[in-house]
Amino acid sequence: MEEKQQKKIKASPRPGKLAGYQTNFLVSVRLAR
């Protein structure tokens, strides 16, 4: 389980970037409706 957590951290070195991606995704979903 520890290895998976480390991979996630390496995949997203910038938490802010990940948060921005989530926001864009939610906005696109709202527009799609």
PDB file of N, CA and C in Angstrom:
ATOM      1  N   MET A   1       0.838  -1.206   0.000  1.00  0.00           N
ATOM      2  CA  MET A   1       0.000   0.000   0.000  1.00  0.00           C
ATOM      3  C   MET A   1       0.875   1.260   0.000  1.00  0.00           C
ATOM      4  N   GLU A   2       2.004   1.190   0.663  1.00  0.00           N
ATOM      5  CA  GLU A   2       2.882   2.358   0.720  1.00  0.00           C
ATOM      6  C   GLU A   2       3.394   2.718  -0.671  1.00  0.00           C
ATOM      7  N   GLU A   3       3.684   1.685  -1.482  1.00  0.00           N
ATOM      8  CA  GLU A   3       4.197   1.940  -2.827  1.00  0.00           C
ATOM      9  C   GLU A   3       3.169   2.699  -3.665  1.00  0.00           C
ATOM     10  N   LYS A   4       1.901   2.339  -3.546  1.00  0.00           N
ATOM     11  CA  LYS A   4       0.860   3.020  -4.318  1.00  0.00           C
ATOM     12  C   LYS A   4       0.785   4.496  -3.929  1.00  0.00           C
ATOM     13  N   GLN A   5       0.860   4.781  -2.637  1.00  0.00           N
ATOM     14  CA  GLN A   5       0.794   6.174  -2.185  1.00  0.00           C
ATOM     15  C   GLN A   5       1.969   6.966  -2.743  1.00  0.00           C
ATOM     16  N   GLN A   6       3.151   6.376  -2.746  1.00  0.00           N
ATOM     17  CA  GLN A   6       4.332   7.066  -3.261  1.00  0.00           C
ATOM     18  C   GLN A   6       4.161   7.361  -4.754  1.00  0.00           C
ATOM     19  N   LYS A   7       3.607   6.410  -5.496  1.00  0.00           N
ATOM     20  CA  LYS A   7       3.407   6.609  -6.935  1.00  0.00           C
ATOM     21  C   LYS A   7       2.446   7.771  -7.169  1.00  0.00           C
ATOM     22  N   LYS A   8       1.397   7.857  -6.366  1.00  0.00           N
ATOM     23  CA  LYS A   8       0.432   8.951  -6.528  1.00  0.00           C
ATOM     24  C   LYS A   8       1.116  10.290  -6.295  1.00  0.00           C
ATOM     25  N   ILE A   9       1.970  10.353  -5.270  1.00  0.00           N
ATOM     26  CA  ILE A   9       2.664  11.604  -4.958  1.00  0.00           C
ATOM     27  C   ILE A   9       3.588  11.985  -6.116  1.00  0.00           C
ATOM     28  N   LYS A  10       4.275  10.991  -6.680  1.00  0.00           N
ATOM     29  CA  LYS A  10       5.193  11.263  -7.797  1.00  0.00           C
ATOM     30  C   LYS A  10       4.400  11.686  -9.034  1.00  0.00           C
ATOM     31  N   ALA A  11       3.244  11.098  -9.229  1.00  0.00           N
ATOM     32  CA  ALA A  11       2.443  11.414 -10.410  1.00  0.00           C
ATOM     33  C   ALA A  11       1.922  12.846 -10.329  1.00  0.00           C
ATOM     34  N   SER A  12       1.638  13.338  -9.123  1.00  0.00           N
ATOM     35  CA  SER A  12       1.124  14.702  -8.956  1.00  0.00           C
ATOM     36  C   SER A  12       2.014  15.472  -7.982  1.00  0.00           C
ATOM     37  N   PRO A  13       3.142  15.980  -8.459  1.00  0.00           N
ATOM     38  CA  PRO A  13       4.065  16.709  -7.592  1.00  0.00           C
ATOM     39  C   PRO A  13       3.478  18.028  -7.122  1.00  0.00           C
ATOM     40  N   ARG A  14       2.506  18.548  -7.871  1.00  0.00           N
ATOM     41  CA  ARG A  14       1.903  19.834  -7.472  1.00  0.00           C
ATOM     42  C   ARG A  14       0.447  19.612  -7.083  1.00  0.00           C
ATOM     43  N   PRO A  15       0.134  19.631  -5.801  1.00  0.00           N
ATOM     44  CA  PRO A  15      -1.255  19.444  -5.343  1.00  0.00           C
ATOM     45  C   PRO A  15      -2.179  20.505  -5.934  1.00  0.00           C
ATOM     46  N   GLY A  16      -1.677  21.718  -6.094  1.00  0.00           N
ATOM     47  CA  GLY A  16      -2.494  22.800  -6.654  1.00  0.00           C
ATOM     48  C   GLY A  16      -2.926  22.481  -8.077  1.00  0.00           C
ATOM     49  N   LYS A  17      -2.002  21.888  -8.848  1.00  0.00           N
ATOM     50  CA  LYS A  17      -2.322  21.529 -10.229  1.00  0.00           C
ATOM     51  C   LYS A  17      -3.435  20.483 -10.242  1.00  0.00           C
ATOM     52  N   LEU A  18      -3.358  19.535  -9.326  1.00  0.00           N
ATOM     53  CA  LEU A  18      -4.374  18.490  -9.256  1.00  0.00           C
ATOM     54  C   LEU A  18      -5.724  19.107  -8.893  1.00  0.00           C
ATOM     55  N   ALA A  19      -5.721  20.042  -7.962  1.00  0.00           N
ATOM     56  CA  ALA A  19      -6.970  20.698  -7.551  1.00  0.00           C
ATOM     57  C   ALA A  19      -7.559  21.457  -8.733  1.00  0.00           C
ATOM     58  N   GLY A  20      -6.704  22.105  -9.509  1.00  0.00           N
ATOM     59  CA  GLY A  20      -7.185  22.845 -10.678  1.00  0.00           C
ATOM     60  C   GLY A  20      -7.816  21.896 -11.684  1.00  0.00           C
ATOM     61  N   TYR A  21      -7.221  20.723 -11.843  1.00  0.00           N
ATOM     62  CA  TYR A  21      -7.763  19.732 -12.780  1.00  0.00           C
ATOM     63  C   TYR A  21      -9.149  19.289 -12.323  1.00  0.00           C
ATOM     64  N   GLN A  22      -9.302  19.077 -11.006  1.00  0.00           N
ATOM     65  CA  GLN A  22     -10.606  18.662 -10.469  1.00  0.00           C
ATOM     66  C   GLN A  22     -11.637  19.748 -10.727  1.00  0.00           C
ATOM     67  N   THR A  23     -11.259  21.006 -10.506  1.00  0.00           N
ATOM     68  CA  THR A  23     -12.193  22.118 -10.710  1.00  0.00           C
ATOM     69  C   THR A  23     -12.627  22.172 -12.168  1.00  0.00           C
ATOM     70  N   ASN A  24     -11.667  22.071 -13.082  1.00  0.00           N
ATOM     71  CA  ASN A  24     -11.996  22.113 -14.512  1.00  0.00           C
ATOM     72  C   ASN A  24     -12.921  20.958 -14.875  1.00  0.00           C
ATOM     73  N   PHE A  25     -12.675  19.794 -14.289  1.00  0.00           N
ATOM     74  CA  PHE A  25     -13.504  18.626 -14.581  1.00  0.00           C
ATOM     75  C   PHE A  25     -14.944  18.864 -14.112  1.00  0.00           C
ATOM     76  N   LEU A  26     -15.091  19.405 -12.888  1.00  0.00           N
ATOM     77  CA  LEU A  26     -16.433  19.659 -12.356  1.00  0.00           C
ATOM     78  C   LEU A  26     -17.153  20.690 -13.218  1.00  0.00           C
ATOM     79  N   VAL A  27     -16.436  21.715 -13.650  1.00  0.00           N
ATOM     80  CA  VAL A  27     -17.057  22.756 -14.479  1.00  0.00           C
ATOM     81  C   VAL A  27     -17.514  22.159 -15.804  1.00  0.00           C
ATOM     82  N   SER A  28     -16.672  21.337 -16.422  1.00  0.00           N
ATOM     83  CA  SER A  28     -17.032  20.730 -17.708  1.00  0.00           C
ATOM     84  C   SER A  28     -18.251  19.826 -17.541  1.00  0.00           C
ATOM     85  N   VAL A  29     -18.338  19.141 -16.413  1.00  0.00           N
ATOM     86  CA  VAL A  29     -19.485  18.257 -16.169  1.00  0.00           C
ATOM     87  C   VAL A  29     -20.758  19.091 -16.042  1.00  0.00           C
ATOM     88  N   ARG A  30     -20.658  20.227 -15.366  1.00  0.00           N
ATOM     89  CA  ARG A  30     -21.850  21.087 -15.202  1.00  0.00           C
ATOM     90  C   ARG A  30     -22.293  21.635 -16.551  1.00  0.00           C
ATOM     91  N   LEU A  31     -21.328  22.025 -17.385  1.00  0.00           N
ATOM     92  CA  LEU A  31     -21.675  22.580 -18.696  1.00  0.00           C
ATOM     93  C   LEU A  31     -22.283  21.494 -19.580  1.00  0.00           C
ATOM     94  N   ALA A  32     -21.845  20.265 -19.408  1.00  0.00           N
ATOM     95  CA  ALA A  32     -22.334  19.160 -20.239  1.00  0.00           C
ATOM     96  C   ALA A  32     -23.809  18.880 -19.946  1.00  0.00           C
ATOM     97  N   ARG A  33     -24.253  19.196 -18.740  1.00  0.00           N
ATOM     98  CA  ARG A  33     -25.648  18.890 -18.391  1.00  0.00           C
ATOM     99  C   ARG A  33     -26.607  19.821 -19.115  1.00  0.00           C
TER     100      ARG A  33
END
